[in-house]
Protein backbone atom coordinates (compact mmCIF):
# COMPACT_ATOMS: atom_id res chain seq x y z
CA MET A 1 30.25 -89.78 84.32
CA GLY A 2 26.50 -90.35 84.61
CA LYS A 3 24.00 -89.60 81.87
CA ALA A 4 22.75 -86.49 83.66
CA LYS A 5 26.23 -84.96 83.81
CA GLU A 6 26.96 -85.98 80.22
CA LYS A 7 23.76 -84.29 79.12
CA GLU A 8 24.68 -81.19 81.08
CA GLN A 9 28.07 -81.18 79.37
CA LEU A 10 26.45 -81.52 75.94
CA ASN A 11 24.12 -78.62 76.70
CA ARG A 12 27.06 -76.47 77.73
CA ILE A 13 29.04 -77.28 74.57
CA LEU A 14 25.96 -76.74 72.40
CA GLY A 15 25.46 -73.33 74.01
CA VAL A 16 29.01 -72.35 73.01
CA HIS A 17 28.37 -73.38 69.40
CA LEU A 18 25.03 -71.59 69.25
CA ASN A 19 26.56 -68.38 70.63
CA SER A 20 29.35 -68.62 68.07
CA ILE A 21 26.83 -68.84 65.23
CA HIS A 22 24.87 -65.89 66.64
CA GLU A 23 28.07 -63.82 66.78
CA THR A 24 28.86 -64.71 63.18
CA LEU A 25 25.36 -63.72 62.10
CA GLN A 26 25.73 -60.35 63.81
CA ALA A 27 29.10 -59.79 62.17
CA LEU A 28 27.62 -60.62 58.74
CA ASP A 29 24.45 -58.59 59.25
CA GLN A 30 25.18 -56.24 56.37
CA THR A 31 25.50 -57.02 52.65
CA ALA A 32 29.03 -58.04 51.74
CA ASP A 33 31.39 -55.21 50.78
CA SER A 34 31.71 -54.69 47.04
CA SER A 35 35.51 -54.96 47.31
CA LEU A 36 35.24 -58.63 48.30
CA GLU A 37 35.31 -61.46 45.78
CA LYS A 38 31.80 -62.63 44.93
CA VAL A 39 30.99 -66.22 45.84
CA SER A 40 28.98 -68.30 43.38
CA TRP A 41 25.62 -69.47 44.70
CA ASP A 42 26.54 -72.94 43.43
CA ASP A 43 29.23 -73.03 46.11
CA VAL A 44 26.62 -72.17 48.74
CA ILE A 45 24.42 -75.01 47.50
CA LYS A 46 27.36 -77.44 47.73
CA MET A 47 28.06 -76.37 51.30
CA GLY A 48 24.38 -76.86 52.06
CA GLU A 49 24.72 -80.43 50.84
CA GLN A 50 27.49 -80.92 53.38
CA VAL A 51 25.16 -79.63 56.10
CA SER A 52 22.56 -82.18 54.97
CA LYS A 53 25.08 -85.04 55.15
CA GLN A 54 26.17 -84.00 58.61
CA ALA A 55 22.53 -83.82 59.71
CA THR A 56 22.10 -87.39 58.51
CA LEU A 57 24.94 -88.49 60.78
CA VAL A 58 23.27 -86.72 63.70
CA GLY A 59 20.09 -88.67 63.05
CA MET A 60 21.98 -91.98 62.85
CA LEU A 61 23.74 -91.29 66.14
CA CYS A 62 20.64 -90.21 68.03
CA THR A 63 18.45 -93.06 66.84
CA GLY A 64 21.08 -95.72 67.49
CA VAL A 65 21.62 -97.64 70.67
CA ALA A 66 22.99 -95.45 73.48
CA PRO A 67 25.22 -93.01 71.54
CA GLU A 68 28.50 -92.12 73.21
CA VAL A 69 28.81 -88.58 74.46
CA LYS A 70 32.20 -88.18 72.78
CA ALA A 71 30.77 -89.17 69.39
CA LEU A 72 28.03 -86.57 69.78
CA GLU A 73 30.55 -83.90 70.79
CA GLU A 74 32.73 -84.64 67.77
CA ASN A 75 29.74 -84.63 65.43
CA MET A 76 28.51 -81.39 66.96
CA ALA A 77 31.89 -79.73 66.38
CA SER A 78 31.98 -80.90 62.75
CA TYR A 79 28.42 -79.80 62.13
CA PHE A 80 28.91 -76.28 63.42
CA ASN A 81 32.22 -75.89 61.59
CA ILE A 82 30.40 -76.68 58.35
CA LEU A 83 27.58 -74.33 59.35
CA GLN A 84 30.11 -71.53 59.89
CA GLY A 85 31.49 -72.17 56.41
CA PHE A 86 27.98 -72.09 55.01
CA LEU A 87 27.36 -68.70 56.64
CA LEU A 88 30.58 -67.23 55.24
CA LEU A 89 29.88 -68.46 51.72
CA SER A 90 26.27 -67.25 51.73
CA HIS A 91 27.49 -63.86 52.91
CA GLY A 92 30.06 -63.76 50.10
CA SER A 93 27.30 -64.44 47.58
CA THR A 94 25.71 -61.07 48.44
CA VAL A 95 28.55 -59.04 46.91
CA GLY A 96 26.80 -56.62 44.53
CA ALA A 97 23.37 -57.79 45.70
CA GLY A 98 20.48 -55.37 45.98
CA PRO A 99 17.94 -55.42 48.81
CA THR A 100 15.70 -57.97 47.06
CA LEU A 101 18.41 -60.55 46.38
CA SER A 102 19.85 -60.03 49.86
CA SER A 103 16.41 -60.66 51.36
CA TYR A 104 16.04 -63.97 49.51
CA VAL A 105 19.54 -65.07 50.56
CA ASN A 106 18.92 -64.12 54.19
CA THR A 107 15.60 -65.98 54.25
CA SER A 108 17.17 -69.18 52.86
CA ARG A 109 20.15 -68.92 55.18
CA LYS A 110 17.96 -68.33 58.23
CA LEU A 111 15.90 -71.43 57.42
CA VAL A 112 19.01 -73.65 57.38
CA ILE A 113 20.26 -72.12 60.64
CA ASP A 114 16.90 -72.39 62.43
CA CYS A 115 16.40 -76.02 61.40
CA SER A 116 19.94 -76.87 62.49
CA PHE A 117 19.42 -75.26 65.88
CA ARG A 118 16.19 -77.19 66.43
CA LEU A 119 17.86 -80.45 65.39
CA TRP A 120 20.70 -80.08 67.85
CA LYS A 121 18.58 -78.84 70.73
CA GLU A 122 16.31 -81.86 70.32
CA SER A 123 19.27 -84.22 69.88
CA VAL A 124 20.81 -83.09 73.16
CA SER A 125 17.41 -83.07 74.86
CA THR A 126 16.79 -86.71 73.92
CA TYR A 127 20.25 -87.87 75.01
CA GLY A 128 19.88 -90.68 77.52
CA SER A 129 16.12 -90.80 77.08
CA HIS A 130 14.30 -94.06 76.50
CA ASN A 131 11.18 -92.28 75.27
CA GLN A 132 10.55 -93.55 71.74
CA GLU A 133 8.49 -90.49 70.89
CA HIS A 134 11.57 -88.34 71.45
CA LYS A 135 13.60 -90.73 69.35
CA ARG A 136 11.19 -90.27 66.45
CA SER A 137 11.36 -86.47 66.65
CA VAL A 138 15.03 -86.34 65.64
CA PRO A 139 14.57 -87.93 62.17
CA GLN A 140 11.77 -85.45 61.51
CA LEU A 141 14.11 -82.55 62.30
CA VAL A 142 16.82 -84.12 60.13
CA GLY A 143 14.25 -84.06 57.32
CA ALA A 144 13.59 -80.39 57.98
CA VAL A 145 17.31 -79.66 57.55
CA TRP A 146 17.31 -81.61 54.28
CA ASP A 147 14.35 -79.58 53.03
CA ALA A 148 15.99 -76.28 54.01
CA CYS A 149 19.21 -77.22 52.22
CA THR A 150 17.33 -78.46 49.15
CA ALA A 151 15.44 -75.15 49.04
CA LEU A 152 18.77 -73.41 48.43
CA LYS A 153 18.57 -74.67 44.84
CA LYS A 154 15.40 -72.62 44.37
CA THR A 155 16.85 -69.45 45.85
CA PRO A 156 17.49 -66.70 43.25
CA ALA A 157 21.20 -66.49 42.49
CA THR A 158 21.26 -63.06 40.83
CA ASN A 159 19.60 -59.68 41.14
CA ILE A 160 17.69 -60.33 37.92
CA MET A 161 16.28 -63.64 39.13
CA ALA A 162 15.36 -62.18 42.52
CA ILE A 163 13.60 -59.12 41.11
CA GLY A 164 11.87 -61.16 38.41
CA ARG A 165 10.48 -63.48 41.08
CA ALA A 166 9.42 -60.54 43.26
CA ILE A 167 7.55 -58.94 40.34
CA THR A 168 5.83 -62.27 39.71
CA GLN A 169 4.70 -62.28 43.34
CA VAL A 170 3.14 -58.83 42.82
CA ALA A 171 1.02 -60.31 40.02
CA VAL A 172 -0.46 -63.09 42.19
CA PRO A 173 -2.78 -60.94 44.38
CA MET A 174 -3.51 -58.78 41.33
CA LYS A 175 -5.01 -61.84 39.61
CA ASP A 176 -7.17 -62.41 42.68
CA VAL A 177 -8.42 -58.82 42.49
CA LEU A 178 -9.24 -59.31 38.81
CA ARG A 179 -11.18 -62.49 39.55
CA GLU A 180 -13.21 -60.72 42.23
CA MET A 181 -13.89 -57.81 39.88
CA LYS A 182 -15.30 -60.17 37.29
CA GLU A 183 -17.70 -61.55 39.87
CA LEU A 184 -19.36 -58.15 40.32
CA LYS A 185 -22.89 -58.20 38.90
CA PRO A 186 -25.67 -55.68 38.33
CA SER A 187 -28.77 -55.70 40.45
CA SER A 188 -31.47 -58.13 39.34
CA SER A 189 -33.70 -55.25 38.28
CA ALA A 190 -31.11 -53.77 35.95
CA SER A 191 -29.78 -55.00 32.65
CA VAL A 192 -26.51 -53.70 31.27
CA GLU A 193 -25.18 -54.10 27.80
CA ALA A 194 -21.42 -54.58 27.68
CA SER A 195 -19.65 -51.64 26.10
CA ASP A 196 -17.22 -52.43 23.30
CA GLU A 197 -14.79 -49.98 24.82
CA ALA A 198 -14.94 -51.63 28.23
CA SER A 199 -14.65 -55.19 26.95
CA VAL A 200 -11.32 -56.86 27.65
CA ASN A 201 -9.24 -58.32 24.86
CA GLU A 202 -9.21 -62.04 25.59
CA GLU A 203 -5.66 -62.39 24.33
CA SER A 204 -4.38 -60.04 27.04
CA GLU A 205 -6.70 -61.29 29.75
CA PRO A 206 -5.79 -64.19 32.06
CA HIS A 207 -8.21 -67.10 31.71
CA ASP A 208 -9.65 -68.10 35.03
CA SER A 209 -11.39 -71.49 35.14
CA GLU A 210 -12.40 -71.19 38.77
CA ASN A 211 -16.11 -70.77 39.47
CA SER A 212 -17.09 -68.93 42.62
CA ASP A 213 -20.40 -69.13 44.39
CA ASP A 214 -22.51 -66.06 43.89
CA GLY A 215 -22.92 -64.06 47.07
CA ASP A 216 -25.02 -61.04 47.85
CA MET A 217 -22.08 -58.68 48.03
CA GLY A 218 -21.36 -56.93 44.75
CA ASN A 219 -24.55 -58.12 43.05
CA ASP A 220 -26.45 -54.84 43.22
CA LEU A 221 -24.47 -52.46 41.03
CA SER A 222 -26.41 -49.90 39.06
CA PRO A 223 -25.94 -49.87 35.26
CA GLU A 224 -23.61 -46.89 35.59
CA GLU A 225 -21.58 -48.56 38.34
CA MET A 226 -21.36 -51.72 36.27
CA LYS A 227 -19.77 -49.74 33.46
CA VAL A 228 -17.16 -48.39 35.86
CA ALA A 229 -16.44 -51.96 37.02
CA GLN A 230 -16.03 -53.14 33.41
CA TYR A 231 -13.53 -50.39 32.68
CA ALA A 232 -11.67 -51.26 35.89
CA VAL A 233 -11.46 -54.91 34.77
CA ALA A 234 -9.78 -53.71 31.57
CA VAL A 235 -7.28 -51.68 33.61
CA VAL A 236 -6.26 -54.61 35.80
CA SER A 237 -6.08 -56.99 32.83
CA ASP A 238 -3.79 -54.57 30.99
CA MET A 239 -1.69 -54.10 34.13
CA LEU A 240 -1.05 -57.84 34.28
CA VAL A 241 0.19 -57.68 30.70
CA VAL A 242 2.52 -54.83 31.69
CA LEU A 243 3.97 -56.96 34.49
CA LYS A 244 4.43 -59.91 32.13
CA GLU A 245 6.27 -57.74 29.62
CA LEU A 246 8.38 -56.16 32.37
CA ILE A 247 9.48 -59.59 33.59
CA ARG A 248 10.32 -60.59 30.01
CA THR A 249 12.26 -57.36 29.49
CA VAL A 250 14.18 -57.68 32.75
CA THR A 251 15.16 -61.29 32.05
CA LEU A 252 16.87 -60.17 28.83
CA PHE A 253 19.72 -59.09 31.10
CA LYS A 254 20.60 -62.75 31.68
CA LYS A 255 22.21 -62.90 28.27
CA GLU A 256 23.99 -59.57 28.56
CA ASP A 257 25.09 -59.82 32.19
CA PRO A 258 25.14 -63.39 33.53
CA ASP A 259 26.55 -62.15 36.85
CA GLY A 260 23.28 -60.48 37.71
CA SER A 261 23.38 -57.01 36.15
CA ASP A 262 24.90 -55.51 39.28
CA ASN A 263 25.44 -52.27 37.35
CA TYR A 264 21.69 -51.90 36.93
CA VAL A 265 20.56 -53.07 40.35
CA ASP A 266 19.34 -49.62 41.47
CA SER A 267 17.10 -49.26 38.42
CA LEU A 268 15.81 -52.81 38.80
CA GLU A 269 15.00 -52.22 42.47
CA LYS A 270 13.16 -49.01 41.62
CA LEU A 271 11.10 -50.84 38.98
CA LEU A 272 10.16 -53.44 41.58
CA LYS A 273 9.10 -50.78 44.10
CA LEU A 274 6.94 -49.14 41.46
CA CYS A 275 5.32 -52.50 40.69
CA GLN A 276 4.62 -53.02 44.39
CA GLY A 277 3.18 -49.50 44.64
CA ILE A 278 0.89 -50.20 41.69
CA GLY A 279 -0.16 -53.44 43.37
CA ILE A 280 -1.35 -51.44 46.39
CA GLN A 281 -3.37 -49.13 44.15
CA ILE A 282 -4.92 -52.09 42.31
CA ASP A 283 -6.07 -53.44 45.70
CA GLU A 284 -7.57 -50.04 46.47
CA LEU A 285 -9.25 -49.92 43.07
CA GLY A 286 -10.84 -53.33 43.57
CA ALA A 287 -12.07 -52.50 47.06
CA CYS A 288 -13.75 -49.29 45.88
CA LEU A 289 -15.85 -51.01 43.20
CA TYR A 290 -18.26 -52.60 45.66
CA PRO A 291 -21.50 -50.64 46.10
CA PRO A 292 -21.71 -47.90 46.94
CA GLN A 293 -18.72 -47.22 44.69
CA GLU A 294 -16.14 -44.70 45.91
CA HIS A 295 -15.51 -42.80 42.68
CA PRO A 296 -13.07 -40.20 44.06
CA ALA A 297 -10.90 -42.99 45.51
CA ILE A 298 -11.07 -44.93 42.22
CA LYS A 299 -9.95 -41.83 40.33
CA THR A 300 -7.11 -41.21 42.77
CA ALA A 301 -5.90 -44.81 42.46
CA SER A 302 -6.07 -44.59 38.66
CA GLU A 303 -4.05 -41.38 38.61
CA LYS A 304 -1.40 -42.86 40.89
CA ILE A 305 -1.12 -45.95 38.67
CA SER A 306 -0.72 -43.73 35.61
CA GLY A 307 2.00 -41.70 37.32
CA MET A 308 3.93 -44.80 38.38
CA ILE A 309 3.72 -46.21 34.85
CA ASP A 310 5.32 -42.98 33.62
CA GLU A 311 8.11 -43.44 36.16
CA MET A 312 8.62 -47.04 35.02
CA LEU A 313 9.00 -45.93 31.41
CA VAL A 314 11.61 -43.34 32.42
CA GLU A 315 13.52 -45.86 34.52
CA LEU A 316 13.48 -48.49 31.80
CA GLU A 317 15.09 -46.05 29.36
CA ARG A 318 18.25 -46.33 31.45
CA LEU A 319 18.46 -50.05 30.77
CA ASN A 320 20.02 -51.02 27.47
CA VAL A 321 17.53 -53.71 26.48
CA PRO A 322 14.74 -53.94 23.86
CA ARG A 323 11.53 -52.63 25.41
CA GLU A 324 9.10 -52.13 22.50
CA SER A 325 6.63 -54.74 23.79
CA PHE A 326 6.70 -53.20 27.27
CA ILE A 327 6.07 -49.71 25.88
CA GLN A 328 3.11 -51.02 23.86
CA ALA A 329 1.67 -52.72 26.95
CA CYS A 330 2.00 -49.45 28.88
CA THR A 331 0.29 -47.57 26.05
CA ASP A 332 -2.65 -49.99 26.17
CA LEU A 333 -2.87 -49.62 29.95
CA LYS A 334 -2.80 -45.82 29.75
CA ARG A 335 -5.63 -45.99 27.22
CA SER A 336 -7.71 -48.13 29.58
CA LEU A 337 -6.97 -45.75 32.45
CA GLY A 338 -8.12 -42.86 30.29
CA ARG A 339 -11.40 -44.61 29.51
CA LEU A 340 -11.98 -45.34 33.19
CA GLY A 341 -11.27 -41.70 34.04
CA SER A 342 -13.66 -40.46 31.38
CA GLU A 343 -16.40 -42.78 32.64
CA LEU A 344 -15.89 -41.54 36.20
CA ASP A 345 -16.08 -37.91 35.02
CA SER A 346 -19.25 -38.68 33.08
CA PHE A 347 -20.78 -40.41 36.09
CA THR A 348 -19.89 -37.46 38.33
CA ALA A 349 -21.39 -34.98 35.88
CA THR A 350 -24.61 -37.00 35.69
CA GLU A 351 -24.85 -37.03 39.49
CA VAL A 352 -24.34 -33.27 39.64
CA PHE A 353 -27.01 -32.59 37.01
CA ALA A 354 -29.44 -34.89 38.85
CA LYS A 355 -28.90 -32.95 42.07
CA ILE A 356 -29.46 -29.64 40.29
CA GLU A 357 -32.70 -30.90 38.75
CA ASN A 358 -33.92 -31.97 42.17
CA LEU A 359 -33.29 -28.61 43.75
CA ASP A 360 -36.43 -26.85 44.95
CA LEU A 361 -35.89 -23.35 43.59
CA THR A 362 -39.17 -22.08 45.05
CA SER A 363 -38.19 -22.61 48.65
């Protein structure tokens, strides 16, 4: 059999294996049924190590001298058998998983599958080729499989770990918003004294060592607008403390329920959604501080944040964990929101009085 026919045969066999994996993925599209036995994520990691080893063999075969078609076929069959086992185990690990944990598992699983597909497509494509550039591409794809399998060790193994990580991700853009808020400056013709009420407690405020170049945007706030910005800084700083305390509170479940607090997954997921909703409002708050400030939108965002904090407190009552520090953080945040609201009301009243004074009553 010539190389061309052997390559055609390899492509045909590979197509069968790829279709089989696709069918398995479709069959396992939903989270595993709660009646099934839960698979430990450690077992998934171990199976991933087997995928890595098999990928190494693929690289050795393809970079050697004229690999035999039969050897490639046998290796291909072994590889995809292991990959099927990996899929089944990863699916079994989602027993009792909420949407967040399932999403992390699916992302990690997809990465291993995609890298494996690319490795085998390239391996078959380079069969019989004397192009050294093609030969070098296979080891790179083997490395990609290694990385994908190694990343399994960083994948959250429980609902608690997954939701804790997701809440942490909400805090990242919030810190960026806070940094941008702090860069807002009054116009050069105005001088503003910092209000004691609007100042942020340094112990609760993230320290940011980054220095940004001063631009024109945001450097022409009036003294009144600058006060609003200072109060908004306090709100975002306090919100970051709330997130930190929520993560600490949620992780207390690790001791009480090492299997992932499956009984509390609905409450944990709701807390995460509330955090994400607050994150959206913090973005809105930051965007509205640039001149001319949009005070009605700032007030609306503040009220929504306050409402979602109330919902978080109610939801956390259902979880049997100490939450005193979280409640205190929420109390501080609500106080900052109240000060921001009062400042906005005062600003609005001042604007109304100014308009009344400017009315021409003789006309």
